[in-house]
């Protein structure tokens, strides 16, 4: 029994960082708004936006981009829709920003994201 107790005390410093990190799903941000391909959706700076498209409107692996996104979003299959999640930059100014889809061929305008004048910056 002493060996088991000693082993537990020796292993404890290695296990504590894993316990403190929490579940892996806690680090995935949930979208605060959703944008359907070809539509307009209002968002605020700092919001997480889900961009959705039907099969035929876009293809798996197409890239959704806008100057207001922190990074490009790559469309993945979430049957029956293609979807990606992007974050709106906190320093974005009010206005309407086009969202472009770029596939293997050429880019095309797909939707737009208006940021209202009353939008508050996260911080």
Foldseek 3Di string as FASTA:
>chain_A
DVVVVVVCVVCVVVCVVVVVVDDPVVPDDDAPEEAEWQEEDEDAAFGKYKYKYFVVVDDQQKWKDKPQWPDIWGWHDPPRITITITHGHLPDAFDKIWIWIGDPPGIDTIYIYGYDNPGHGDD
